[in-house]
Amino acid sequence: MKRITLAEAKEHLLEYLLDAEKQSIVITHNGEPIGALVGFKGDDDWFDFRLENDDLFLKRVAWARMTLRRGEGIPWQDVQTGRERRFELE
């Protein structure tokens, strides 16, 4: 993990973004961490990042896990025919 100052990040942003593809980069201000740079090697990394940070997607995953634990999974045949149950997210 690399630590850089906010001033360094501003001055060399592209360089650090490219470097962030290979390692984590923490940005500091007055010696304290204030953020991090995330680099993407390609579209797959960008897609994964969006999913990992999408509240609706994460709620759907949590709902699916909860229903499976209760034995309420959706039969594969229903998924294939489009008859799966709909659910409400809070």
PDB file of N, CA and C in Angstrom:
ATOM      1  N   MET A   1       0.848  -1.170   0.000  1.00  0.00           N
ATOM      2  CA  MET A   1       0.000   0.000   0.000  1.00  0.00           C
ATOM      3  C   MET A   1       0.898   1.239   0.000  1.00  0.00           C
ATOM      4  N   LYS A   2       0.536   2.155  -0.859  1.00  0.00           N
ATOM      5  CA  LYS A   2       1.302   3.394  -0.978  1.00  0.00           C
ATOM      6  C   LYS A   2       0.499   4.529  -0.337  1.00  0.00           C
ATOM      7  N   ARG A   3       1.195   5.417   0.349  1.00  0.00           N
ATOM      8  CA  ARG A   3       0.566   6.601   0.941  1.00  0.00           C
ATOM      9  C   ARG A   3       1.135   7.831   0.249  1.00  0.00           C
ATOM     10  N   ILE A   4       0.230   8.723  -0.173  1.00  0.00           N
ATOM     11  CA  ILE A   4       0.661   9.974  -0.803  1.00  0.00           C
ATOM     12  C   ILE A   4      -0.121  11.126  -0.173  1.00  0.00           C
ATOM     13  N   THR A   5       0.441  12.304  -0.281  1.00  0.00           N
ATOM     14  CA  THR A   5      -0.259  13.481   0.243  1.00  0.00           C
ATOM     15  C   THR A   5      -1.275  13.973  -0.780  1.00  0.00           C
ATOM     16  N   LEU A   6      -2.196  14.762  -0.305  1.00  0.00           N
ATOM     17  CA  LEU A   6      -3.191  15.354  -1.196  1.00  0.00           C
ATOM     18  C   LEU A   6      -2.515  16.200  -2.271  1.00  0.00           C
ATOM     19  N   ALA A   7      -1.487  16.931  -1.898  1.00  0.00           N
ATOM     20  CA  ALA A   7      -0.763  17.763  -2.863  1.00  0.00           C
ATOM     21  C   ALA A   7      -0.136  16.892  -3.958  1.00  0.00           C
ATOM     22  N   GLU A   8       0.454  15.754  -3.574  1.00  0.00           N
ATOM     23  CA  GLU A   8       1.040  14.839  -4.556  1.00  0.00           C
ATOM     24  C   GLU A   8      -0.038  14.292  -5.484  1.00  0.00           C
ATOM     25  N   ALA A   9      -1.185  13.941  -4.913  1.00  0.00           N
ATOM     26  CA  ALA A   9      -2.285  13.395  -5.723  1.00  0.00           C
ATOM     27  C   ALA A   9      -2.740  14.411  -6.758  1.00  0.00           C
ATOM     28  N   LYS A  10      -2.865  15.657  -6.344  1.00  0.00           N
ATOM     29  CA  LYS A  10      -3.303  16.705  -7.271  1.00  0.00           C
ATOM     30  C   LYS A  10      -2.292  16.908  -8.395  1.00  0.00           C
ATOM     31  N   GLU A  11      -1.027  16.874  -8.039  1.00  0.00           N
ATOM     32  CA  GLU A  11       0.022  17.163  -9.009  1.00  0.00           C
ATOM     33  C   GLU A  11       0.243  16.027 -10.010  1.00  0.00           C
ATOM     34  N   HIS A  12       0.037  14.788  -9.576  1.00  0.00           N
ATOM     35  CA  HIS A  12       0.353  13.633 -10.424  1.00  0.00           C
ATOM     36  C   HIS A  12      -0.818  12.649 -10.484  1.00  0.00           C
ATOM     37  N   LEU A  13      -2.026  13.155 -10.630  1.00  0.00           N
ATOM     38  CA  LEU A  13      -3.214  12.305 -10.533  1.00  0.00           C
ATOM     39  C   LEU A  13      -3.208  11.143 -11.515  1.00  0.00           C
ATOM     40  N   LEU A  14      -2.956  11.399 -12.787  1.00  0.00           N
ATOM     41  CA  LEU A  14      -2.979  10.323 -13.772  1.00  0.00           C
ATOM     42  C   LEU A  14      -1.951   9.242 -13.433  1.00  0.00           C
ATOM     43  N   GLU A  15      -0.768   9.649 -13.062  1.00  0.00           N
ATOM     44  CA  GLU A  15       0.275   8.687 -12.698  1.00  0.00           C
ATOM     45  C   GLU A  15      -0.185   7.792 -11.539  1.00  0.00           C
ATOM     46  N   TYR A  16      -0.781   8.397 -10.526  1.00  0.00           N
ATOM     47  CA  TYR A  16      -1.226   7.615  -9.372  1.00  0.00           C
ATOM     48  C   TYR A  16      -2.441   6.750  -9.704  1.00  0.00           C
ATOM     49  N   LEU A  17      -3.326   7.211 -10.557  1.00  0.00           N
ATOM     50  CA  LEU A  17      -4.459   6.373 -10.967  1.00  0.00           C
ATOM     51  C   LEU A  17      -3.981   5.136 -11.709  1.00  0.00           C
ATOM     52  N   LEU A  18      -3.005   5.308 -12.583  1.00  0.00           N
ATOM     53  CA  LEU A  18      -2.444   4.158 -13.287  1.00  0.00           C
ATOM     54  C   LEU A  18      -1.739   3.219 -12.311  1.00  0.00           C
ATOM     55  N   ASP A  19      -1.069   3.790 -11.324  1.00  0.00           N
ATOM     56  CA  ASP A  19      -0.402   2.987 -10.310  1.00  0.00           C
ATOM     57  C   ASP A  19      -1.420   2.235  -9.444  1.00  0.00           C
ATOM     58  N   ALA A  20      -2.591   2.823  -9.255  1.00  0.00           N
ATOM     59  CA  ALA A  20      -3.639   2.211  -8.425  1.00  0.00           C
ATOM     60  C   ALA A  20      -4.198   0.932  -9.048  1.00  0.00           C
ATOM     61  N   GLU A  21      -3.929   0.703 -10.331  1.00  0.00           N
ATOM     62  CA  GLU A  21      -4.315  -0.571 -10.952  1.00  0.00           C
ATOM     63  C   GLU A  21      -3.552  -1.722 -10.316  1.00  0.00           C
ATOM     64  N   LYS A  22      -2.367  -1.431  -9.772  1.00  0.00           N
ATOM     65  CA  LYS A  22      -1.492  -2.471  -9.254  1.00  0.00           C
ATOM     66  C   LYS A  22      -1.431  -2.526  -7.733  1.00  0.00           C
ATOM     67  N   GLN A  23      -1.691  -1.405  -7.062  1.00  0.00           N
ATOM     68  CA  GLN A  23      -1.598  -1.377  -5.609  1.00  0.00           C
ATOM     69  C   GLN A  23      -2.533  -0.315  -5.040  1.00  0.00           C
ATOM     70  N   SER A  24      -2.899  -0.484  -3.786  1.00  0.00           N
ATOM     71  CA  SER A  24      -3.756   0.484  -3.106  1.00  0.00           C
ATOM     72  C   SER A  24      -2.981   1.770  -2.853  1.00  0.00           C
ATOM     73  N   ILE A  25      -3.661   2.884  -3.042  1.00  0.00           N
ATOM     74  CA  ILE A  25      -3.032   4.177  -2.786  1.00  0.00           C
ATOM     75  C   ILE A  25      -3.942   4.977  -1.859  1.00  0.00           C
ATOM     76  N   VAL A  26      -3.413   5.313  -0.695  1.00  0.00           N
ATOM     77  CA  VAL A  26      -4.143   6.092   0.289  1.00  0.00           C
ATOM     78  C   VAL A  26      -3.672   7.537   0.195  1.00  0.00           C
ATOM     79  N   ILE A  27      -4.631   8.452   0.173  1.00  0.00           N
ATOM     80  CA  ILE A  27      -4.313   9.887   0.120  1.00  0.00           C
ATOM     81  C   ILE A  27      -4.437  10.446   1.530  1.00  0.00           C
ATOM     82  N   THR A  28      -3.419  11.201   1.937  1.00  0.00           N
ATOM     83  CA  THR A  28      -3.420  11.777   3.280  1.00  0.00           C
ATOM     84  C   THR A  28      -3.467  13.303   3.211  1.00  0.00           C
ATOM     85  N   HIS A  29      -3.978  13.883   4.286  1.00  0.00           N
ATOM     86  CA  HIS A  29      -3.983  15.339   4.454  1.00  0.00           C
ATOM     87  C   HIS A  29      -3.597  15.603   5.908  1.00  0.00           C
ATOM     88  N   ASN A  30      -2.557  16.380   6.098  1.00  0.00           N
ATOM     89  CA  ASN A  30      -2.012  16.629   7.438  1.00  0.00           C
ATOM     90  C   ASN A  30      -1.681  15.316   8.146  1.00  0.00           C
ATOM     91  N   GLY A  31      -1.195  14.336   7.362  1.00  0.00           N
ATOM     92  CA  GLY A  31      -0.767  13.068   7.926  1.00  0.00           C
ATOM     93  C   GLY A  31      -1.873  12.059   8.188  1.00  0.00           C
ATOM     94  N   GLU A  32      -3.130  12.444   7.977  1.00  0.00           N
ATOM     95  CA  GLU A  32      -4.270  11.559   8.234  1.00  0.00           C
ATOM     96  C   GLU A  32      -4.867  11.063   6.920  1.00  0.00           C
ATOM     97  N   PRO A  33      -5.260   9.795   6.844  1.00  0.00           N
ATOM     98  CA  PRO A  33      -5.898   9.277   5.627  1.00  0.00           C
ATOM     99  C   PRO A  33      -7.239   9.975   5.382  1.00  0.00           C
ATOM    100  N   ILE A  34      -7.464  10.410   4.143  1.00  0.00           N
ATOM    101  CA  ILE A  34      -8.734  11.065   3.805  1.00  0.00           C
ATOM    102  C   ILE A  34      -9.424  10.412   2.609  1.00  0.00           C
ATOM    103  N   GLY A  35      -8.750   9.505   1.951  1.00  0.00           N
ATOM    104  CA  GLY A  35      -9.362   8.855   0.796  1.00  0.00           C
ATOM    105  C   GLY A  35      -8.410   7.851   0.189  1.00  0.00           C
ATOM    106  N   ALA A  36      -8.889   7.232  -0.882  1.00  0.00           N
ATOM    107  CA  ALA A  36      -8.075   6.232  -1.567  1.00  0.00           C
ATOM    108  C   ALA A  36      -8.360   6.294  -3.057  1.00  0.00           C
ATOM    109  N   LEU A  37      -7.384   5.907  -3.837  1.00  0.00           N
ATOM    110  CA  LEU A  37      -7.554   5.830  -5.278  1.00  0.00           C
ATOM    111  C   LEU A  37      -7.824   4.385  -5.668  1.00  0.00           C
ATOM    112  N   VAL A  38      -8.748   4.205  -6.582  1.00  0.00           N
ATOM    113  CA  VAL A  38      -9.069   2.873  -7.098  1.00  0.00           C
ATOM    114  C   VAL A  38      -8.815   2.906  -8.593  1.00  0.00           C
ATOM    115  N   GLY A  39      -7.933   2.043  -9.056  1.00  0.00           N
ATOM    116  CA  GLY A  39      -7.638   1.966 -10.485  1.00  0.00           C
ATOM    117  C   GLY A  39      -8.327   0.760 -11.101  1.00  0.00           C
ATOM    118  N   PHE A  40      -8.687   0.876 -12.354  1.00  0.00           N
ATOM    119  CA  PHE A  40      -9.346  -0.212 -13.072  1.00  0.00           C
ATOM    120  C   PHE A  40      -8.471  -0.654 -14.229  1.00  0.00           C
ATOM    121  N   LYS A  41      -8.213  -1.962 -14.287  1.00  0.00           N
ATOM    122  CA  LYS A  41      -7.416  -2.501 -15.389  1.00  0.00           C
ATOM    123  C   LYS A  41      -8.229  -2.603 -16.667  1.00  0.00           C
ATOM    124  N   GLY A  42      -9.536  -2.607 -16.533  1.00  0.00           N
ATOM    125  CA  GLY A  42     -10.399  -2.727 -17.708  1.00  0.00           C
ATOM    126  C   GLY A  42     -11.857  -2.644 -17.319  1.00  0.00           C
ATOM    127  N   ASP A  43     -12.713  -2.934 -18.284  1.00  0.00           N
ATOM    128  CA  ASP A  43     -14.151  -2.845 -18.072  1.00  0.00           C
ATOM    129  C   ASP A  43     -14.646  -3.813 -16.999  1.00  0.00           C
ATOM    130  N   ASP A  44     -14.035  -4.988 -16.889  1.00  0.00           N
ATOM    131  CA  ASP A  44     -14.463  -5.952 -15.877  1.00  0.00           C
ATOM    132  C   ASP A  44     -14.245  -5.401 -14.468  1.00  0.00           C
ATOM    133  N   ASP A  45     -13.109  -4.763 -14.236  1.00  0.00           N
ATOM    134  CA  ASP A  45     -12.850  -4.162 -12.928  1.00  0.00           C
ATOM    135  C   ASP A  45     -13.854  -3.053 -12.632  1.00  0.00           C
ATOM    136  N   TRP A  46     -14.151  -2.237 -13.635  1.00  0.00           N
ATOM    137  CA  TRP A  46     -15.117  -1.144 -13.477  1.00  0.00           C
ATOM    138  C   TRP A  46     -16.497  -1.713 -13.167  1.00  0.00           C
ATOM    139  N   PHE A  47     -16.903  -2.767 -13.853  1.00  0.00           N
ATOM    140  CA  PHE A  47     -18.193  -3.408 -13.625  1.00  0.00           C
ATOM    141  C   PHE A  47     -18.265  -3.971 -12.202  1.00  0.00           C
ATOM    142  N   ASP A  48     -17.214  -4.678 -11.779  1.00  0.00           N
ATOM    143  CA  ASP A  48     -17.172  -5.239 -10.426  1.00  0.00           C
ATOM    144  C   ASP A  48     -17.277  -4.142  -9.369  1.00  0.00           C
ATOM    145  N   PHE A  49     -16.576  -3.055  -9.558  1.00  0.00           N
ATOM    146  CA  PHE A  49     -16.610  -1.942  -8.608  1.00  0.00           C
ATOM    147  C   PHE A  49     -18.021  -1.384  -8.497  1.00  0.00           C
ATOM    148  N   ARG A  50     -18.680  -1.212  -9.641  1.00  0.00           N
ATOM    149  CA  ARG A  50     -20.051  -0.677  -9.623  1.00  0.00           C
ATOM    150  C   ARG A  50     -20.986  -1.614  -8.877  1.00  0.00           C
ATOM    151  N   LEU A  51     -20.876  -2.928  -9.107  1.00  0.00           N
ATOM    152  CA  LEU A  51     -21.734  -3.881  -8.391  1.00  0.00           C
ATOM    153  C   LEU A  51     -21.463  -3.847  -6.890  1.00  0.00           C
ATOM    154  N   GLU A  52     -20.189  -3.856  -6.519  1.00  0.00           N
ATOM    155  CA  GLU A  52     -19.826  -3.883  -5.110  1.00  0.00           C
ATOM    156  C   GLU A  52     -20.280  -2.634  -4.366  1.00  0.00           C
ATOM    157  N   ASN A  53     -20.599  -1.574  -5.075  1.00  0.00           N
ATOM    158  CA  ASN A  53     -20.999  -0.321  -4.454  1.00  0.00           C
ATOM    159  C   ASN A  53     -22.418   0.098  -4.823  1.00  0.00           C
ATOM    160  N   ASP A  54     -23.220  -0.841  -5.311  1.00  0.00           N
ATOM    161  CA  ASP A  54     -24.599  -0.556  -5.701  1.00  0.00           C
ATOM    162  C   ASP A  54     -25.538  -1.054  -4.599  1.00  0.00           C
ATOM    163  N   ASP A  55     -26.189  -0.132  -3.903  1.00  0.00           N
ATOM    164  CA  ASP A  55     -27.045  -0.498  -2.774  1.00  0.00           C
ATOM    165  C   ASP A  55     -28.157  -1.462  -3.166  1.00  0.00           C
ATOM    166  N   LEU A  56     -28.801  -1.233  -4.309  1.00  0.00           N
ATOM    167  CA  LEU A  56     -29.889  -2.114  -4.719  1.00  0.00           C
ATOM    168  C   LEU A  56     -29.378  -3.529  -4.982  1.00  0.00           C
ATOM    169  N   PHE A  57     -28.258  -3.660  -5.657  1.00  0.00           N
ATOM    170  CA  PHE A  57     -27.677  -4.978  -5.914  1.00  0.00           C
ATOM    171  C   PHE A  57     -27.342  -5.687  -4.600  1.00  0.00           C
ATOM    172  N   LEU A  58     -26.721  -4.959  -3.663  1.00  0.00           N
ATOM    173  CA  LEU A  58     -26.351  -5.562  -2.383  1.00  0.00           C
ATOM    174  C   LEU A  58     -27.581  -5.988  -1.588  1.00  0.00           C
ATOM    175  N   LYS A  59     -28.679  -5.216  -1.668  1.00  0.00           N
ATOM    176  CA  LYS A  59     -29.919  -5.604  -1.004  1.00  0.00           C
ATOM    177  C   LYS A  59     -30.504  -6.862  -1.635  1.00  0.00           C
ATOM    178  N   ARG A  60     -30.419  -6.967  -2.939  1.00  0.00           N
ATOM    179  CA  ARG A  60     -30.920  -8.163  -3.613  1.00  0.00           C
ATOM    180  C   ARG A  60     -30.122  -9.401  -3.221  1.00  0.00           C
ATOM    181  N   VAL A  61     -28.816  -9.253  -3.115  1.00  0.00           N
ATOM    182  CA  VAL A  61     -27.975 -10.378  -2.695  1.00  0.00           C
ATOM    183  C   VAL A  61     -28.331 -10.786  -1.268  1.00  0.00           C
ATOM    184  N   ALA A  62     -28.504  -9.806  -0.375  1.00  0.00           N
ATOM    185  CA  ALA A  62     -28.866 -10.109   1.014  1.00  0.00           C
ATOM    186  C   ALA A  62     -30.221 -10.812   1.077  1.00  0.00           C
ATOM    187  N   TRP A  63     -31.175 -10.342   0.286  1.00  0.00           N
ATOM    188  CA  TRP A  63     -32.500 -10.972   0.248  1.00  0.00           C
ATOM    189  C   TRP A  63     -32.393 -12.413  -0.234  1.00  0.00           C
ATOM    190  N   ALA A  64     -31.633 -12.640  -1.285  1.00  0.00           N
ATOM    191  CA  ALA A  64     -31.477 -13.983  -1.831  1.00  0.00           C
ATOM    192  C   ALA A  64     -30.851 -14.918  -0.800  1.00  0.00           C
ATOM    193  N   ARG A  65     -29.837 -14.440  -0.095  1.00  0.00           N
ATOM    194  CA  ARG A  65     -29.198 -15.268   0.927  1.00  0.00           C
ATOM    195  C   ARG A  65     -30.166 -15.601   2.062  1.00  0.00           C
ATOM    196  N   MET A  66     -30.959 -14.599   2.461  1.00  0.00           N
ATOM    197  CA  MET A  66     -31.925 -14.814   3.537  1.00  0.00           C
ATOM    198  C   MET A  66     -32.962 -15.863   3.128  1.00  0.00           C
ATOM    199  N   THR A  67     -33.477 -15.765   1.927  1.00  0.00           N
ATOM    200  CA  THR A  67     -34.493 -16.718   1.493  1.00  0.00           C
ATOM    201  C   THR A  67     -33.911 -18.116   1.345  1.00  0.00           C
ATOM    202  N   LEU A  68     -32.683 -18.229   0.902  1.00  0.00           N
ATOM    203  CA  LEU A  68     -32.049 -19.546   0.809  1.00  0.00           C
ATOM    204  C   LEU A  68     -31.857 -20.176   2.184  1.00  0.00           C
ATOM    205  N   ARG A  69     -31.451 -19.356   3.161  1.00  0.00           N
ATOM    206  CA  ARG A  69     -31.289 -19.869   4.529  1.00  0.00           C
ATOM    207  C   ARG A  69     -32.618 -20.370   5.092  1.00  0.00           C
ATOM    208  N   ARG A  70     -33.725 -19.751   4.695  1.00  0.00           N
ATOM    209  CA  ARG A  70     -35.050 -20.170   5.168  1.00  0.00           C
ATOM    210  C   ARG A  70     -35.627 -21.289   4.305  1.00  0.00           C
ATOM    211  N   GLY A  71     -34.874 -21.733   3.313  1.00  0.00           N
ATOM    212  CA  GLY A  71     -35.357 -22.798   2.445  1.00  0.00           C
ATOM    213  C   GLY A  71     -36.389 -22.333   1.438  1.00  0.00           C
ATOM    214  N   GLU A  72     -36.370 -21.066   1.115  1.00  0.00           N
ATOM    215  CA  GLU A  72     -37.351 -20.486   0.203  1.00  0.00           C
ATOM    216  C   GLU A  72     -36.742 -20.110  -1.146  1.00  0.00           C
ATOM    217  N   GLY A  73     -35.778 -20.871  -1.588  1.00  0.00           N
ATOM    218  CA  GLY A  73     -35.142 -20.569  -2.864  1.00  0.00           C
ATOM    219  C   GLY A  73     -36.111 -20.681  -4.034  1.00  0.00           C
ATOM    220  N   ILE A  74     -35.757 -20.119  -5.148  1.00  0.00           N
ATOM    221  CA  ILE A  74     -36.577 -20.157  -6.358  1.00  0.00           C
ATOM    222  C   ILE A  74     -36.145 -21.356  -7.197  1.00  0.00           C
ATOM    223  N   PRO A  75     -37.078 -22.235  -7.537  1.00  0.00           N
ATOM    224  CA  PRO A  75     -36.711 -23.376  -8.384  1.00  0.00           C
ATOM    225  C   PRO A  75     -36.141 -22.906  -9.725  1.00  0.00           C
ATOM    226  N   TRP A  76     -35.106 -23.587 -10.187  1.00  0.00           N
ATOM    227  CA  TRP A  76     -34.442 -23.227 -11.438  1.00  0.00           C
ATOM    228  C   TRP A  76     -35.423 -23.179 -12.609  1.00  0.00           C
ATOM    229  N   GLN A  77     -36.385 -24.057 -12.623  1.00  0.00           N
ATOM    230  CA  GLN A  77     -37.375 -24.070 -13.720  1.00  0.00           C
ATOM    231  C   GLN A  77     -38.160 -22.769 -13.753  1.00  0.00           C
ATOM    232  N   ASP A  78     -38.493 -22.216 -12.578  1.00  0.00           N
ATOM    233  CA  ASP A  78     -39.220 -20.949 -12.536  1.00  0.00           C
ATOM    234  C   ASP A  78     -38.355 -19.802 -13.060  1.00  0.00           C
ATOM    235  N   VAL A  79     -37.079 -19.867 -12.752  1.00  0.00           N
ATOM    236  CA  VAL A  79     -36.162 -18.827 -13.253  1.00  0.00           C
ATOM    237  C   VAL A  79     -36.091 -18.912 -14.779  1.00  0.00           C
ATOM    238  N   GLN A  80     -35.970 -20.119 -15.302  1.00  0.00           N
ATOM    239  CA  GLN A  80     -35.854 -20.303 -16.750  1.00  0.00           C
ATOM    240  C   GLN A  80     -37.104 -19.843 -17.490  1.00  0.00           C
ATOM    241  N   THR A  81     -38.266 -20.032 -16.884  1.00  0.00           N
ATOM    242  CA  THR A  81     -39.521 -19.657 -17.562  1.00  0.00           C
ATOM    243  C   THR A  81     -39.965 -18.245 -17.224  1.00  0.00           C
ATOM    244  N   GLY A  82     -39.218 -17.559 -16.342  1.00  0.00           N
ATOM    245  CA  GLY A  82     -39.572 -16.192 -15.983  1.00  0.00           C
ATOM    246  C   GLY A  82     -40.685 -16.104 -14.956  1.00  0.00           C
ATOM    247  N   ARG A  83     -40.973 -17.202 -14.251  1.00  0.00           N
ATOM    248  CA  ARG A  83     -42.055 -17.197 -13.261  1.00  0.00           C
ATOM    249  C   ARG A  83     -41.533 -17.030 -11.834  1.00  0.00           C
ATOM    250  N   GLU A  84     -40.304 -16.552 -11.684  1.00  0.00           N
ATOM    251  CA  GLU A  84     -39.775 -16.417 -10.321  1.00  0.00           C
ATOM    252  C   GLU A  84     -40.574 -15.382  -9.547  1.00  0.00           C
ATOM    253  N   ARG A  85     -40.607 -15.577  -8.251  1.00  0.00           N
ATOM    254  CA  ARG A  85     -41.343 -14.664  -7.381  1.00  0.00           C
ATOM    255  C   ARG A  85     -40.670 -13.302  -7.357  1.00  0.00           C
ATOM    256  N   ARG A  86     -41.470 -12.273  -7.300  1.00  0.00           N
ATOM    257  CA  ARG A  86     -40.944 -10.908  -7.166  1.00  0.00           C
ATOM    258  C   ARG A  86     -40.821 -10.594  -5.689  1.00  0.00           C
ATOM    259  N   PHE A  87     -39.958  -9.680  -5.345  1.00  0.00           N
ATOM    260  CA  PHE A  87     -39.771  -9.345  -3.949  1.00  0.00           C
ATOM    261  C   PHE A  87     -39.693  -7.838  -3.792  1.00  0.00           C
ATOM    262  N   GLU A  88     -39.964  -7.389  -2.598  1.00  0.00           N
ATOM    263  CA  GLU A  88     -39.891  -5.968  -2.260  1.00  0.00           C
ATOM    264  C   GLU A  88     -38.654  -5.723  -1.416  1.00  0.00           C
ATOM    265  N   LEU A  89     -37.972  -4.659  -1.716  1.00  0.00           N
ATOM    266  CA  LEU A  89     -36.811  -4.267  -0.920  1.00  0.00           C
ATOM    267  C   LEU A  89     -37.186  -3.063  -0.085  1.00  0.00           C
ATOM    268  N   GLU A  90     -36.776  -3.084   1.141  1.00  0.00           N
ATOM    269  CA  GLU A  90     -37.076  -1.943   2.032  1.00  0.00           C
ATOM    270  C   GLU A  90     -36.104  -0.826   1.782  1.00  0.00           C
TER     271      GLU A  90
END
